[in-house]
Amino acid sequence: MVWEKQTMKTRHISVGILSGLFFFISCTNAPESDEAKTTEAKEVNKDKTGETWKLDISESTVAWVGTKVTGYHSGNVPLKSGEIIVNNGEVTGGKFVMDVNNMNVSGPNPKDTGTNNKLLRHLKSDAFFDIAKHPEGTFELTGVQAYKGAAIKDTIDPRQEGIGKYKVLNPTHLVSGNLTLRGVTKNIEFPANITVSGNAAQATAKFNIDRKQWGIIYPGAPDDLIRDEVHLGIFIKAIK
């Protein structure tokens, strides 16, 4: 899944999720990407000063890529609502709500609705996201600071054909926030590209997380084990 909409005329916020089309010669690993640093949930500063900008959910999304020994699956999680806080042209806080109940499976073959719907039912079951109890997920910012790391090198896995980029190559900020899935909250930290211009803000982030940290521990079939790492590509746009 690939998203990279960035214009100088808009202010967008994105914390990331991408996907691309894979063709694997042998067993499938998670996309080579930044690994989100995962720790226990952190306190959110509720006293942030600044303006509250609403998320444009029609242009914001979370994409995912899950892999297993024999292949991969990909899809999107729509957003229900969200907002960011902007102070003097800088994003200082924010939160968005993911509509996990209405997630979809689109890859590797969007036309294979039978296989995709079968997987979707499994993802919604208590083996994965347990939608009956946890129909939503959330991400709430706990910190945004200037990115001070070196430029990130993009690498292409020779087994992947037509792959999109799975890293933010020009990160501007290091973002941390509390991610809640399946009723479990962990803090994650990752690079992101954030721009604020005029009346809009946007951000893009691409990283891998370990699903088991959120209690998603289903291993898969003995001869087709599911990888623990799940790739997320987040693109978020907010309007003043």
C-alpha atoms as a PDB file:
ATOM      1  CA  MET A   1       0.000   0.000   0.000  1.00  0.00           C
ATOM      2  CA  VAL A   2       1.526   3.226  -1.004  1.00  0.00           C
ATOM      3  CA  TRP A   3       0.644   6.749  -0.023  1.00  0.00           C
ATOM      4  CA  GLU A   4       2.778   9.868  -0.551  1.00  0.00           C
ATOM      5  CA  LYS A   5       0.569  12.884  -1.133  1.00  0.00           C
ATOM      6  CA  GLN A   6       2.453  15.960  -0.102  1.00  0.00           C
ATOM      7  CA  THR A   7       1.838  19.427  -1.526  1.00  0.00           C
ATOM      8  CA  MET A   8       3.273  22.756  -0.396  1.00  0.00           C
ATOM      9  CA  LYS A   9      -0.250  24.168  -0.312  1.00  0.00           C
ATOM     10  CA  THR A  10      -1.682  21.834   2.257  1.00  0.00           C
ATOM     11  CA  ARG A  11      -1.097  20.991   5.887  1.00  0.00           C
ATOM     12  CA  HIS A  12      -1.350  17.295   6.363  1.00  0.00           C
ATOM     13  CA  ILE A  13      -0.576  15.000   9.160  1.00  0.00           C
ATOM     14  CA  SER A  14       0.272  11.453   8.591  1.00  0.00           C
ATOM     15  CA  VAL A  15       1.650   8.786  10.795  1.00  0.00           C
ATOM     16  CA  GLY A  16       1.749   6.018   8.413  1.00  0.00           C
ATOM     17  CA  ILE A  17       0.613   3.062   6.434  1.00  0.00           C
ATOM     18  CA  LEU A  18       1.614   1.792   2.964  1.00  0.00           C
ATOM     19  CA  SER A  19       1.399  -1.267   0.835  1.00  0.00           C
ATOM     20  CA  GLY A  20       2.574  -2.450  -2.553  1.00  0.00           C
ATOM     21  CA  LEU A  21       2.131  -5.472  -4.725  1.00  0.00           C
ATOM     22  CA  PHE A  22       4.424  -8.370  -3.859  1.00  0.00           C
ATOM     23  CA  PHE A  23       5.631 -11.260  -5.915  1.00  0.00           C
ATOM     24  CA  PHE A  24       7.748 -13.576  -3.826  1.00  0.00           C
ATOM     25  CA  ILE A  25      10.142 -16.194  -5.096  1.00  0.00           C
ATOM     26  CA  SER A  26      10.365 -17.878  -1.707  1.00  0.00           C
ATOM     27  CA  CYS A  27       9.012 -17.388   1.797  1.00  0.00           C
ATOM     28  CA  THR A  28       7.692 -13.942   2.647  1.00  0.00           C
ATOM     29  CA  ASN A  29       9.107 -11.624   5.272  1.00  0.00           C
ATOM     30  CA  ALA A  30       7.601  -8.369   6.503  1.00  0.00           C
ATOM     31  CA  PRO A  31       8.456  -5.330   4.349  1.00  0.00           C
ATOM     32  CA  GLU A  32      11.845  -3.878   5.200  1.00  0.00           C
ATOM     33  CA  SER A  33      10.896  -0.773   7.128  1.00  0.00           C
ATOM     34  CA  ASP A  34      11.569   1.169  10.319  1.00  0.00           C
ATOM     35  CA  GLU A  35      10.774  -0.837  13.437  1.00  0.00           C
ATOM     36  CA  ALA A  36       8.573   1.167  15.785  1.00  0.00           C
ATOM     37  CA  LYS A  37      10.066   1.378  19.277  1.00  0.00           C
ATOM     38  CA  THR A  38       7.394  -0.100  21.550  1.00  0.00           C
ATOM     39  CA  THR A  39       7.125   0.643  25.272  1.00  0.00           C
ATOM     40  CA  GLU A  40       4.403   0.856  27.881  1.00  0.00           C
ATOM     41  CA  ALA A  41       1.691   3.504  27.431  1.00  0.00           C
ATOM     42  CA  LYS A  42       2.731   7.057  28.314  1.00  0.00           C
ATOM     43  CA  GLU A  43       0.814   9.921  29.859  1.00  0.00           C
ATOM     44  CA  VAL A  44      -0.774  12.316  27.381  1.00  0.00           C
ATOM     45  CA  ASN A  45      -0.353  16.034  28.029  1.00  0.00           C
ATOM     46  CA  LYS A  46      -3.911  17.387  27.924  1.00  0.00           C
ATOM     47  CA  ASP A  47      -2.795  20.992  28.472  1.00  0.00           C
ATOM     48  CA  LYS A  48      -1.394  21.575  24.985  1.00  0.00           C
ATOM     49  CA  THR A  49      -2.047  25.100  23.731  1.00  0.00           C
ATOM     50  CA  GLY A  50      -2.871  25.792  20.102  1.00  0.00           C
ATOM     51  CA  GLU A  51      -5.621  25.428  17.534  1.00  0.00           C
ATOM     52  CA  THR A  52      -7.593  22.225  17.013  1.00  0.00           C
ATOM     53  CA  TRP A  53      -7.783  21.133  13.385  1.00  0.00           C
ATOM     54  CA  LYS A  54     -10.189  18.413  12.266  1.00  0.00           C
ATOM     55  CA  LEU A  55      -9.078  15.346  10.380  1.00  0.00           C
ATOM     56  CA  ASP A  56     -10.167  15.030   6.768  1.00  0.00           C
ATOM     57  CA  ILE A  57     -11.186  11.367   6.979  1.00  0.00           C
ATOM     58  CA  SER A  58     -11.918  11.206   3.241  1.00  0.00           C
ATOM     59  CA  GLU A  59      -8.195  11.658   2.569  1.00  0.00           C
ATOM     60  CA  SER A  60      -6.763   9.936   5.638  1.00  0.00           C
ATOM     61  CA  THR A  61      -6.192   6.233   6.051  1.00  0.00           C
ATOM     62  CA  VAL A  62      -4.226   3.472   7.714  1.00  0.00           C
ATOM     63  CA  ALA A  63      -2.921   0.723   5.431  1.00  0.00           C
ATOM     64  CA  TRP A  64      -1.551  -2.614   6.581  1.00  0.00           C
ATOM     65  CA  VAL A  65       0.519  -5.470   5.217  1.00  0.00           C
ATOM     66  CA  GLY A  66       0.632  -8.835   6.966  1.00  0.00           C
ATOM     67  CA  THR A  67       2.930 -11.630   5.809  1.00  0.00           C
ATOM     68  CA  LYS A  68       3.238 -15.368   6.268  1.00  0.00           C
ATOM     69  CA  VAL A  69       5.503 -18.133   5.002  1.00  0.00           C
ATOM     70  CA  THR A  70       3.675 -18.512   1.688  1.00  0.00           C
ATOM     71  CA  GLY A  71       2.680 -14.950   0.892  1.00  0.00           C
ATOM     72  CA  TYR A  72       1.047 -11.776   2.142  1.00  0.00           C
ATOM     73  CA  HIS A  73      -2.248  -9.962   2.604  1.00  0.00           C
ATOM     74  CA  SER A  74      -2.920  -6.238   2.631  1.00  0.00           C
ATOM     75  CA  GLY A  75      -5.760  -3.806   3.182  1.00  0.00           C
ATOM     76  CA  ASN A  76      -6.939  -0.592   4.802  1.00  0.00           C
ATOM     77  CA  VAL A  77      -8.482   0.553   8.048  1.00  0.00           C
ATOM     78  CA  PRO A  78     -10.691   3.635   7.575  1.00  0.00           C
ATOM     79  CA  LEU A  79     -10.673   6.427  10.124  1.00  0.00           C
ATOM     80  CA  LYS A  80     -13.826   7.517  11.956  1.00  0.00           C
ATOM     81  CA  SER A  81     -12.675  10.821  13.391  1.00  0.00           C
ATOM     82  CA  GLY A  82      -9.652  12.721  14.577  1.00  0.00           C
ATOM     83  CA  GLU A  83      -8.001  16.033  15.254  1.00  0.00           C
ATOM     84  CA  ILE A  84      -4.570  17.560  15.669  1.00  0.00           C
ATOM     85  CA  ILE A  85      -3.320  20.497  17.706  1.00  0.00           C
ATOM     86  CA  VAL A  86      -1.226  23.087  15.869  1.00  0.00           C
ATOM     87  CA  ASN A  87       0.725  25.763  17.725  1.00  0.00           C
ATOM     88  CA  ASN A  88       2.811  28.324  15.815  1.00  0.00           C
ATOM     89  CA  GLY A  89       2.958  26.170  12.733  1.00  0.00           C
ATOM     90  CA  GLU A  90       3.982  22.992  14.580  1.00  0.00           C
ATOM     91  CA  VAL A  91       1.946  19.879  15.365  1.00  0.00           C
ATOM     92  CA  THR A  92       2.019  19.406  19.139  1.00  0.00           C
ATOM     93  CA  GLY A  93      -0.740  16.865  19.772  1.00  0.00           C
ATOM     94  CA  GLY A  94      -3.662  14.992  18.342  1.00  0.00           C
ATOM     95  CA  LYS A  95      -5.681  11.802  18.204  1.00  0.00           C
ATOM     96  CA  PHE A  96      -7.495   9.699  15.633  1.00  0.00           C
ATOM     97  CA  VAL A  97      -9.958   6.824  15.840  1.00  0.00           C
ATOM     98  CA  MET A  98      -9.670   3.802  13.555  1.00  0.00           C
ATOM     99  CA  ASP A  99     -12.828   2.020  12.385  1.00  0.00           C
ATOM    100  CA  VAL A 100     -11.423  -1.507  12.785  1.00  0.00           C
ATOM    101  CA  ASN A 101     -14.894  -2.985  12.342  1.00  0.00           C
ATOM    102  CA  ASN A 102     -14.886  -1.719   8.747  1.00  0.00           C
ATOM    103  CA  MET A 103     -11.343  -2.702   7.820  1.00  0.00           C
ATOM    104  CA  ASN A 104     -10.889  -4.402   4.476  1.00  0.00           C
ATOM    105  CA  VAL A 105      -8.658  -6.923   2.716  1.00  0.00           C
ATOM    106  CA  SER A 106      -7.618  -5.948  -0.809  1.00  0.00           C
ATOM    107  CA  GLY A 107      -4.394  -7.786  -1.603  1.00  0.00           C
ATOM    108  CA  PRO A 108      -2.718  -9.548  -3.146  1.00  0.00           C
ATOM    109  CA  ASN A 109      -5.712 -10.025  -5.451  1.00  0.00           C
ATOM    110  CA  PRO A 110      -8.568  -7.533  -4.982  1.00  0.00           C
ATOM    111  CA  LYS A 111     -10.758  -9.583  -7.324  1.00  0.00           C
ATOM    112  CA  ASP A 112     -10.512 -12.714  -5.173  1.00  0.00           C
ATOM    113  CA  THR A 113     -13.426 -11.675  -2.984  1.00  0.00           C
ATOM    114  CA  GLY A 114     -13.987 -15.181  -1.637  1.00  0.00           C
ATOM    115  CA  THR A 115     -10.481 -15.473  -0.160  1.00  0.00           C
ATOM    116  CA  ASN A 116     -10.438 -11.850   0.978  1.00  0.00           C
ATOM    117  CA  ASN A 117     -13.801 -12.090   2.749  1.00  0.00           C
ATOM    118  CA  LYS A 118     -12.795 -15.345   4.424  1.00  0.00           C
ATOM    119  CA  LEU A 119      -9.648 -13.690   5.799  1.00  0.00           C
ATOM    120  CA  LEU A 120     -11.630 -10.619   6.830  1.00  0.00           C
ATOM    121  CA  ARG A 121     -13.985 -12.745   8.922  1.00  0.00           C
ATOM    122  CA  HIS A 122     -10.967 -14.345  10.568  1.00  0.00           C
ATOM    123  CA  LEU A 123      -9.362 -10.954  11.286  1.00  0.00           C
ATOM    124  CA  LYS A 124     -12.571  -9.777  12.932  1.00  0.00           C
ATOM    125  CA  SER A 125     -12.787 -12.873  15.142  1.00  0.00           C
ATOM    126  CA  ASP A 126     -11.375 -13.189  18.653  1.00  0.00           C
ATOM    127  CA  ALA A 127      -8.286 -14.865  17.155  1.00  0.00           C
ATOM    128  CA  PHE A 128      -7.198 -11.443  15.908  1.00  0.00           C
ATOM    129  CA  PHE A 129      -8.939  -8.115  16.610  1.00  0.00           C
ATOM    130  CA  ASP A 130     -12.023  -9.421  18.460  1.00  0.00           C
ATOM    131  CA  ILE A 131     -14.278  -6.854  16.788  1.00  0.00           C
ATOM    132  CA  ALA A 132     -17.303  -7.791  18.904  1.00  0.00           C
ATOM    133  CA  LYS A 133     -15.524  -6.336  21.938  1.00  0.00           C
ATOM    134  CA  HIS A 134     -13.120  -3.896  20.312  1.00  0.00           C
ATOM    135  CA  PRO A 135     -14.603  -2.362  17.134  1.00  0.00           C
ATOM    136  CA  GLU A 136     -12.283   0.659  17.283  1.00  0.00           C
ATOM    137  CA  GLY A 137      -8.611   1.426  17.679  1.00  0.00           C
ATOM    138  CA  THR A 138      -6.976   4.733  18.572  1.00  0.00           C
ATOM    139  CA  PHE A 139      -3.690   6.550  18.237  1.00  0.00           C
ATOM    140  CA  GLU A 140      -2.941   9.548  20.476  1.00  0.00           C
ATOM    141  CA  LEU A 141       0.217  11.627  20.225  1.00  0.00           C
ATOM    142  CA  THR A 142       2.436  11.813  23.288  1.00  0.00           C
ATOM    143  CA  GLY A 143       5.412  13.567  21.718  1.00  0.00           C
ATOM    144  CA  VAL A 144       6.587  15.294  18.527  1.00  0.00           C
ATOM    145  CA  GLN A 145      10.180  16.432  18.115  1.00  0.00           C
ATOM    146  CA  ALA A 146      12.490  17.349  15.270  1.00  0.00           C
ATOM    147  CA  TYR A 147      14.075  14.350  13.589  1.00  0.00           C
ATOM    148  CA  LYS A 148      17.833  14.334  14.192  1.00  0.00           C
ATOM    149  CA  GLY A 149      18.767  10.991  12.678  1.00  0.00           C
ATOM    150  CA  ALA A 150      20.715  10.377   9.505  1.00  0.00           C
ATOM    151  CA  ALA A 151      19.003  10.074   6.151  1.00  0.00           C
ATOM    152  CA  ILE A 152      17.261   6.725   5.771  1.00  0.00           C
ATOM    153  CA  LYS A 153      18.478   4.471   2.992  1.00  0.00           C
ATOM    154  CA  ASP A 154      15.779   2.834   0.933  1.00  0.00           C
ATOM    155  CA  THR A 155      16.437  -0.804   0.113  1.00  0.00           C
ATOM    156  CA  ILE A 156      14.576  -2.972  -2.349  1.00  0.00           C
ATOM    157  CA  ASP A 157      14.132  -6.643  -1.568  1.00  0.00           C
ATOM    158  CA  PRO A 158      15.067  -8.507  -4.775  1.00  0.00           C
ATOM    159  CA  ARG A 159      12.193 -10.935  -4.163  1.00  0.00           C
ATOM    160  CA  GLN A 160       9.643  -8.148  -4.430  1.00  0.00           C
ATOM    161  CA  GLU A 161       8.315  -7.071  -7.801  1.00  0.00           C
ATOM    162  CA  GLY A 162       6.637  -3.725  -8.191  1.00  0.00           C
ATOM    163  CA  ILE A 163       7.224  -2.921  -4.547  1.00  0.00           C
ATOM    164  CA  GLY A 164       6.523   0.542  -3.252  1.00  0.00           C
ATOM    165  CA  LYS A 165       8.726   2.315  -0.751  1.00  0.00           C
ATOM    166  CA  TYR A 166       8.104   1.172   2.801  1.00  0.00           C
ATOM    167  CA  LYS A 167      10.115   3.854   4.552  1.00  0.00           C
ATOM    168  CA  VAL A 168       9.779   7.595   4.997  1.00  0.00           C
ATOM    169  CA  LEU A 169      13.009   8.649   3.289  1.00  0.00           C
ATOM    170  CA  ASN A 170      12.838  12.293   4.350  1.00  0.00           C
ATOM    171  CA  PRO A 171      11.552  12.256   7.948  1.00  0.00           C
ATOM    172  CA  THR A 172      11.108  15.643   9.571  1.00  0.00           C
ATOM    173  CA  HIS A 173       9.965  14.539  13.024  1.00  0.00           C
ATOM    174  CA  LEU A 174      10.225  11.734  15.537  1.00  0.00           C
ATOM    175  CA  VAL A 175       6.712  10.933  16.710  1.00  0.00           C
ATOM    176  CA  SER A 176       5.523   8.976  19.729  1.00  0.00           C
ATOM    177  CA  GLY A 177       1.994   8.051  20.669  1.00  0.00           C
ATOM    178  CA  ASN A 178      -0.247   5.554  22.401  1.00  0.00           C
ATOM    179  CA  LEU A 179      -1.634   2.960  19.992  1.00  0.00           C
ATOM    180  CA  THR A 180      -4.661   1.016  21.243  1.00  0.00           C
ATOM    181  CA  LEU A 181      -5.740  -2.187  19.504  1.00  0.00           C
ATOM    182  CA  ARG A 182      -7.823  -5.041  20.893  1.00  0.00           C
ATOM    183  CA  GLY A 183      -8.110  -3.092  24.162  1.00  0.00           C
ATOM    184  CA  VAL A 184      -4.330  -3.024  24.676  1.00  0.00           C
ATOM    185  CA  THR A 185      -2.425   0.277  24.730  1.00  0.00           C
ATOM    186  CA  LYS A 186       1.294   0.553  23.972  1.00  0.00           C
ATOM    187  CA  ASN A 187       3.440   3.557  23.159  1.00  0.00           C
ATOM    188  CA  ILE A 188       5.211   3.502  19.804  1.00  0.00           C
ATOM    189  CA  GLU A 189       7.913   5.810  18.438  1.00  0.00           C
ATOM    190  CA  PHE A 190       8.783   6.207  14.755  1.00  0.00           C
ATOM    191  CA  PRO A 191      10.005   8.717  12.132  1.00  0.00           C
ATOM    192  CA  ALA A 192       7.441  10.700  10.169  1.00  0.00           C
ATOM    193  CA  ASN A 193       7.233  13.453   7.611  1.00  0.00           C
ATOM    194  CA  ILE A 194       4.987  16.275   8.832  1.00  0.00           C
ATOM    195  CA  THR A 195       4.217  19.490   6.973  1.00  0.00           C
ATOM    196  CA  VAL A 196       2.088  22.446   8.046  1.00  0.00           C
ATOM    197  CA  SER A 197       1.271  25.068   5.446  1.00  0.00           C
ATOM    198  CA  GLY A 198      -1.609  27.504   5.182  1.00  0.00           C
ATOM    199  CA  ASN A 199      -4.804  25.924   6.447  1.00  0.00           C
ATOM    200  CA  ALA A 200      -3.797  22.281   6.136  1.00  0.00           C
ATOM    201  CA  ALA A 201      -1.429  19.781   7.711  1.00  0.00           C
ATOM    202  CA  GLN A 202      -0.328  16.354   6.577  1.00  0.00           C
ATOM    203  CA  ALA A 203       1.882  13.567   7.824  1.00  0.00           C
ATOM    204  CA  THR A 204       3.153  10.255   6.518  1.00  0.00           C
ATOM    205  CA  ALA A 205       4.707   7.394   8.469  1.00  0.00           C
ATOM    206  CA  LYS A 206       5.680   3.830   7.543  1.00  0.00           C
ATOM    207  CA  PHE A 207       6.824   1.300  10.108  1.00  0.00           C
ATOM    208  CA  ASN A 208       6.500  -2.249  11.413  1.00  0.00           C
ATOM    209  CA  ILE A 209       5.016  -3.288  14.753  1.00  0.00           C
ATOM    210  CA  ASP A 210       4.989  -6.615  16.582  1.00  0.00           C
ATOM    211  CA  ARG A 211       1.325  -7.680  16.704  1.00  0.00           C
ATOM    212  CA  LYS A 212       1.916  -9.836  19.782  1.00  0.00           C
ATOM    213  CA  GLN A 213       2.523  -6.688  21.825  1.00  0.00           C
ATOM    214  CA  TRP A 214      -1.222  -6.025  21.412  1.00  0.00           C
ATOM    215  CA  GLY A 215      -2.340  -9.546  22.282  1.00  0.00           C
ATOM    216  CA  ILE A 216      -2.731 -10.728  18.691  1.00  0.00           C
ATOM    217  CA  ILE A 217      -0.952 -14.048  19.021  1.00  0.00           C
ATOM    218  CA  TYR A 218      -2.661 -16.391  16.529  1.00  0.00           C
ATOM    219  CA  PRO A 219       0.273 -18.294  14.940  1.00  0.00           C
ATOM    220  CA  GLY A 220      -1.306 -19.482  11.706  1.00  0.00           C
ATOM    221  CA  ALA A 221      -1.153 -22.976  10.245  1.00  0.00           C
ATOM    222  CA  PRO A 222       1.864 -25.109  11.249  1.00  0.00           C
ATOM    223  CA  ASP A 223       3.093 -25.130   7.644  1.00  0.00           C
ATOM    224  CA  ASP A 224       2.209 -21.482   6.954  1.00  0.00           C
ATOM    225  CA  LEU A 225       3.147 -19.480  10.038  1.00  0.00           C
ATOM    226  CA  ILE A 226       2.164 -15.809  10.247  1.00  0.00           C
ATOM    227  CA  ARG A 227       4.952 -13.284  10.824  1.00  0.00           C
ATOM    228  CA  ASP A 228       4.780 -11.307  14.038  1.00  0.00           C
ATOM    229  CA  GLU A 229       5.669  -8.052  12.260  1.00  0.00           C
ATOM    230  CA  VAL A 230       2.842  -6.105  10.633  1.00  0.00           C
ATOM    231  CA  HIS A 231       3.552  -3.124   8.408  1.00  0.00           C
ATOM    232  CA  LEU A 232       1.527   0.041   8.891  1.00  0.00           C
ATOM    233  CA  GLY A 233       1.467   3.011   6.545  1.00  0.00           C
ATOM    234  CA  ILE A 234      -0.407   6.004   7.875  1.00  0.00           C
ATOM    235  CA  PHE A 235      -1.427   9.046   5.895  1.00  0.00           C
ATOM    236  CA  ILE A 236      -3.369  11.758   7.679  1.00  0.00           C
ATOM    237  CA  LYS A 237      -4.622  15.124   6.524  1.00  0.00           C
ATOM    238  CA  ALA A 238      -6.135  17.772   8.766  1.00  0.00           C
ATOM    239  CA  ILE A 239      -7.792  21.072   7.926  1.00  0.00           C
ATOM    240  CA  LYS A 240      -7.947  24.269   9.989  1.00  0.00           C
END
